[in-house]
Amino acid sequence: MTRPVDSGVIFIARLALAVLFLWGGVMKLLGYAGFVGYLNSKGVPFVQIAAPLATAVEGLGGLLLVVGFKIRPLALLLAVYTVATAVLGHDFWNVTDPVVQHDMVIHFWKNIGIAGGFLLLFVTGAGGISIDGARAPRSGLGR
């Protein structure tokens, strides 16, 4: 059973995570050619599949976070996605410039931290302020 304050905090956490993904998805759409070029420069395989998939995951994932729909499976998907983007996009171990390497280390560990947030969201669920919460069966015990 989730207390109302817990649902509010979970909602704020979902919004905080969603902002990053919505912004990222929109920026990828607006600068799609540049995004594809970036993926090519990083040696990402199957860019013709990876680019639209990443754009969709971020845009649709952000929207689903906001409304709180299918949060547990979404949280697992986004945790894996975020770790994958850390490894592929912030590969500090391949950078020789100390300033750029420092920046990459920060972004790598930021992504790992975000993945941790998604794992917590997997455990807590969407909370009461969500489509998932509205669809959950209610007990007769004051819930």
C-alpha atoms as a PDB file:
ATOM      1  CA  MET A   1       0.000   0.000   0.000  1.00  0.00           C
ATOM      2  CA  THR A   2       1.376   3.396  -0.979  1.00  0.00           C
ATOM      3  CA  ARG A   3       0.815   6.401   1.260  1.00  0.00           C
ATOM      4  CA  PRO A   4      -0.336   9.609  -0.486  1.00  0.00           C
ATOM      5  CA  VAL A   5       2.999  11.304   0.292  1.00  0.00           C
ATOM      6  CA  ASP A   6       4.842   8.344  -1.263  1.00  0.00           C
ATOM      7  CA  SER A   7       2.745   8.630  -4.421  1.00  0.00           C
ATOM      8  CA  GLY A   8       3.575  12.327  -4.626  1.00  0.00           C
ATOM      9  CA  VAL A   9       7.298  11.712  -4.256  1.00  0.00           C
ATOM     10  CA  ILE A  10       7.203   8.896  -6.830  1.00  0.00           C
ATOM     11  CA  PHE A  11       5.334  11.218  -9.207  1.00  0.00           C
ATOM     12  CA  ILE A  12       7.995  13.931  -8.796  1.00  0.00           C
ATOM     13  CA  ALA A  13      10.726  11.322  -9.379  1.00  0.00           C
ATOM     14  CA  ARG A  14       8.969  10.145 -12.548  1.00  0.00           C
ATOM     15  CA  LEU A  15       8.706  13.736 -13.794  1.00  0.00           C
ATOM     16  CA  ALA A  16      12.382  14.415 -13.046  1.00  0.00           C
ATOM     17  CA  LEU A  17      13.408  11.351 -15.045  1.00  0.00           C
ATOM     18  CA  ALA A  18      10.903  12.124 -17.804  1.00  0.00           C
ATOM     19  CA  VAL A  19      12.264  15.635 -18.406  1.00  0.00           C
ATOM     20  CA  LEU A  20      15.666  14.228 -19.341  1.00  0.00           C
ATOM     21  CA  PHE A  21      14.188  11.659 -21.705  1.00  0.00           C
ATOM     22  CA  LEU A  22      11.591  13.949 -23.301  1.00  0.00           C
ATOM     23  CA  TRP A  23      14.222  16.610 -23.921  1.00  0.00           C
ATOM     24  CA  GLY A  24      16.631  14.032 -25.326  1.00  0.00           C
ATOM     25  CA  GLY A  25      14.003  12.541 -27.635  1.00  0.00           C
ATOM     26  CA  VAL A  26      12.943  15.941 -28.965  1.00  0.00           C
ATOM     27  CA  MET A  27      16.559  17.036 -29.518  1.00  0.00           C
ATOM     28  CA  LYS A  28      17.275  13.800 -31.365  1.00  0.00           C
ATOM     29  CA  LEU A  29      14.265  14.407 -33.604  1.00  0.00           C
ATOM     30  CA  LEU A  30      15.159  18.041 -34.281  1.00  0.00           C
ATOM     31  CA  GLY A  31      18.794  17.217 -35.011  1.00  0.00           C
ATOM     32  CA  TYR A  32      18.280  13.747 -36.421  1.00  0.00           C
ATOM     33  CA  ALA A  33      21.034  13.913 -39.050  1.00  0.00           C
ATOM     34  CA  GLY A  34      23.535  15.076 -36.434  1.00  0.00           C
ATOM     35  CA  PHE A  35      22.429  12.310 -34.073  1.00  0.00           C
ATOM     36  CA  VAL A  36      22.931   9.706 -36.796  1.00  0.00           C
ATOM     37  CA  GLY A  37      26.385  11.166 -37.484  1.00  0.00           C
ATOM     38  CA  TYR A  38      27.241  10.990 -33.775  1.00  0.00           C
ATOM     39  CA  LEU A  39      26.207   7.327 -33.610  1.00  0.00           C
ATOM     40  CA  ASN A  40      28.311   6.593 -36.688  1.00  0.00           C
ATOM     41  CA  SER A  41      31.306   8.359 -35.120  1.00  0.00           C
ATOM     42  CA  LYS A  42      30.940   6.182 -32.016  1.00  0.00           C
ATOM     43  CA  GLY A  43      30.876   3.010 -34.118  1.00  0.00           C
ATOM     44  CA  VAL A  44      27.369   2.057 -33.035  1.00  0.00           C
ATOM     45  CA  PRO A  45      26.247  -0.937 -35.112  1.00  0.00           C
ATOM     46  CA  PHE A  46      23.024  -0.851 -37.164  1.00  0.00           C
ATOM     47  CA  VAL A  47      22.635   2.936 -36.942  1.00  0.00           C
ATOM     48  CA  GLN A  48      19.639   2.817 -39.298  1.00  0.00           C
ATOM     49  CA  ILE A  49      17.833   0.839 -36.563  1.00  0.00           C
ATOM     50  CA  ALA A  50      19.541   2.290 -33.479  1.00  0.00           C
ATOM     51  CA  ALA A  51      18.801   5.961 -34.265  1.00  0.00           C
ATOM     52  CA  PRO A  52      15.005   5.727 -34.613  1.00  0.00           C
ATOM     53  CA  LEU A  53      14.867   3.218 -31.759  1.00  0.00           C
ATOM     54  CA  ALA A  54      16.793   5.516 -29.395  1.00  0.00           C
ATOM     55  CA  THR A  55      14.632   8.475 -30.421  1.00  0.00           C
ATOM     56  CA  ALA A  56      11.447   6.486 -29.794  1.00  0.00           C
ATOM     57  CA  VAL A  57      12.661   5.040 -26.489  1.00  0.00           C
ATOM     58  CA  GLU A  58      13.476   8.496 -25.159  1.00  0.00           C
ATOM     59  CA  GLY A  59      10.381  10.281 -26.479  1.00  0.00           C
ATOM     60  CA  LEU A  60       7.794   7.606 -25.767  1.00  0.00           C
ATOM     61  CA  GLY A  61       9.546   6.487 -22.599  1.00  0.00           C
ATOM     62  CA  GLY A  62       9.424  10.067 -21.310  1.00  0.00           C
ATOM     63  CA  LEU A  63       5.703  10.342 -22.039  1.00  0.00           C
ATOM     64  CA  LEU A  64       4.972   7.006 -20.359  1.00  0.00           C
ATOM     65  CA  LEU A  65       6.940   8.141 -17.309  1.00  0.00           C
ATOM     66  CA  VAL A  66       4.810  11.289 -17.046  1.00  0.00           C
ATOM     67  CA  VAL A  67       1.481   9.456 -17.202  1.00  0.00           C
ATOM     68  CA  GLY A  68       2.708   6.447 -15.222  1.00  0.00           C
ATOM     69  CA  PHE A  69       1.797   3.662 -17.633  1.00  0.00           C
ATOM     70  CA  LYS A  70       3.423   0.199 -17.439  1.00  0.00           C
ATOM     71  CA  ILE A  71       6.101   1.672 -15.178  1.00  0.00           C
ATOM     72  CA  ARG A  72       7.716  -1.542 -13.939  1.00  0.00           C
ATOM     73  CA  PRO A  73       8.612  -2.971 -17.377  1.00  0.00           C
ATOM     74  CA  LEU A  74       9.363   0.551 -18.651  1.00  0.00           C
ATOM     75  CA  ALA A  75      11.748   1.147 -15.744  1.00  0.00           C
ATOM     76  CA  LEU A  76      13.680  -2.045 -16.545  1.00  0.00           C
ATOM     77  CA  LEU A  77      13.871  -1.125 -20.221  1.00  0.00           C
ATOM     78  CA  LEU A  78      15.073   2.405 -19.445  1.00  0.00           C
ATOM     79  CA  ALA A  79      17.625   1.139 -16.899  1.00  0.00           C
ATOM     80  CA  VAL A  80      19.162  -1.157 -19.523  1.00  0.00           C
ATOM     81  CA  TYR A  81      18.974   1.599 -22.164  1.00  0.00           C
ATOM     82  CA  THR A  82      20.669   4.096 -19.858  1.00  0.00           C
ATOM     83  CA  VAL A  83      23.529   1.727 -19.032  1.00  0.00           C
ATOM     84  CA  ALA A  84      23.941   0.939 -22.749  1.00  0.00           C
ATOM     85  CA  THR A  85      24.126   4.651 -23.593  1.00  0.00           C
ATOM     86  CA  ALA A  86      26.691   5.108 -20.834  1.00  0.00           C
ATOM     87  CA  VAL A  87      28.904   2.389 -22.275  1.00  0.00           C
ATOM     88  CA  LEU A  88      28.463   3.389 -25.931  1.00  0.00           C
ATOM     89  CA  GLY A  89      28.265   7.160 -25.594  1.00  0.00           C
ATOM     90  CA  HIS A  90      30.467   8.002 -22.621  1.00  0.00           C
ATOM     91  CA  ASP A  91      33.376   5.631 -23.138  1.00  0.00           C
ATOM     92  CA  PHE A  92      35.887   7.608 -21.073  1.00  0.00           C
ATOM     93  CA  TRP A  93      38.364   4.710 -21.214  1.00  0.00           C
ATOM     94  CA  ASN A  94      38.905   5.505 -24.919  1.00  0.00           C
ATOM     95  CA  VAL A  95      39.542   9.243 -24.418  1.00  0.00           C
ATOM     96  CA  THR A  96      43.061  10.652 -24.092  1.00  0.00           C
ATOM     97  CA  ASP A  97      42.291  14.364 -23.564  1.00  0.00           C
ATOM     98  CA  PRO A  98      42.105  14.772 -19.744  1.00  0.00           C
ATOM     99  CA  VAL A  99      39.414  17.488 -19.872  1.00  0.00           C
ATOM    100  CA  VAL A 100      37.183  15.509 -22.235  1.00  0.00           C
ATOM    101  CA  GLN A 101      37.856  12.330 -20.278  1.00  0.00           C
ATOM    102  CA  HIS A 102      36.791  14.027 -17.033  1.00  0.00           C
ATOM    103  CA  ASP A 103      33.550  15.157 -18.700  1.00  0.00           C
ATOM    104  CA  MET A 104      32.927  11.643 -20.016  1.00  0.00           C
ATOM    105  CA  VAL A 105      33.520  10.106 -16.576  1.00  0.00           C
ATOM    106  CA  ILE A 106      30.900  12.437 -15.086  1.00  0.00           C
ATOM    107  CA  HIS A 107      28.360  11.606 -17.809  1.00  0.00           C
ATOM    108  CA  PHE A 108      29.078   7.879 -17.551  1.00  0.00           C
ATOM    109  CA  TRP A 109      28.418   7.791 -13.803  1.00  0.00           C
ATOM    110  CA  LYS A 110      25.415  10.121 -14.183  1.00  0.00           C
ATOM    111  CA  ASN A 111      23.878   7.528 -16.484  1.00  0.00           C
ATOM    112  CA  ILE A 112      24.632   4.745 -14.020  1.00  0.00           C
ATOM    113  CA  GLY A 113      22.933   6.800 -11.283  1.00  0.00           C
ATOM    114  CA  ILE A 114      19.885   7.356 -13.488  1.00  0.00           C
ATOM    115  CA  ALA A 115      19.734   3.608 -14.134  1.00  0.00           C
ATOM    116  CA  GLY A 116      19.704   3.149 -10.357  1.00  0.00           C
ATOM    117  CA  GLY A 117      16.732   5.501 -10.160  1.00  0.00           C
ATOM    118  CA  PHE A 118      14.927   3.392 -12.737  1.00  0.00           C
ATOM    119  CA  LEU A 119      15.635   0.252 -10.716  1.00  0.00           C
ATOM    120  CA  LEU A 120      14.075   1.923  -7.679  1.00  0.00           C
ATOM    121  CA  LEU A 121      11.075   2.865  -9.818  1.00  0.00           C
ATOM    122  CA  PHE A 122      10.838  -0.786 -10.864  1.00  0.00           C
ATOM    123  CA  VAL A 123      10.594  -1.743  -7.176  1.00  0.00           C
ATOM    124  CA  THR A 124       8.151   0.995  -6.111  1.00  0.00           C
ATOM    125  CA  GLY A 125       5.933   1.008  -9.164  1.00  0.00           C
ATOM    126  CA  ALA A 126       4.265   4.127 -10.499  1.00  0.00           C
ATOM    127  CA  GLY A 127       2.545   5.209  -7.295  1.00  0.00           C
ATOM    128  CA  GLY A 128      -1.035   6.375  -6.973  1.00  0.00           C
ATOM    129  CA  ILE A 129      -0.714   9.392  -9.257  1.00  0.00           C
ATOM    130  CA  SER A 130      -0.532   7.369 -12.444  1.00  0.00           C
ATOM    131  CA  ILE A 131      -2.465   5.328 -14.950  1.00  0.00           C
ATOM    132  CA  ASP A 132      -1.033   2.215 -13.306  1.00  0.00           C
ATOM    133  CA  GLY A 133      -2.275   3.446  -9.917  1.00  0.00           C
ATOM    134  CA  ALA A 134      -5.747   4.201 -11.282  1.00  0.00           C
ATOM    135  CA  ARG A 135      -5.960   0.726 -12.825  1.00  0.00           C
ATOM    136  CA  ALA A 136      -4.784  -1.132  -9.699  1.00  0.00           C
ATOM    137  CA  PRO A 137      -7.410  -3.133  -7.834  1.00  0.00           C
ATOM    138  CA  ARG A 138      -8.541  -1.421  -4.650  1.00  0.00           C
ATOM    139  CA  SER A 139      -8.934  -3.258  -1.383  1.00  0.00           C
ATOM    140  CA  GLY A 140     -11.800  -2.528   0.945  1.00  0.00           C
ATOM    141  CA  LEU A 141      -9.346  -1.443   3.671  1.00  0.00           C
ATOM    142  CA  GLY A 142      -9.450   2.299   3.106  1.00  0.00           C
ATOM    143  CA  ARG A 143      -7.268   2.304   0.073  1.00  0.00           C
END
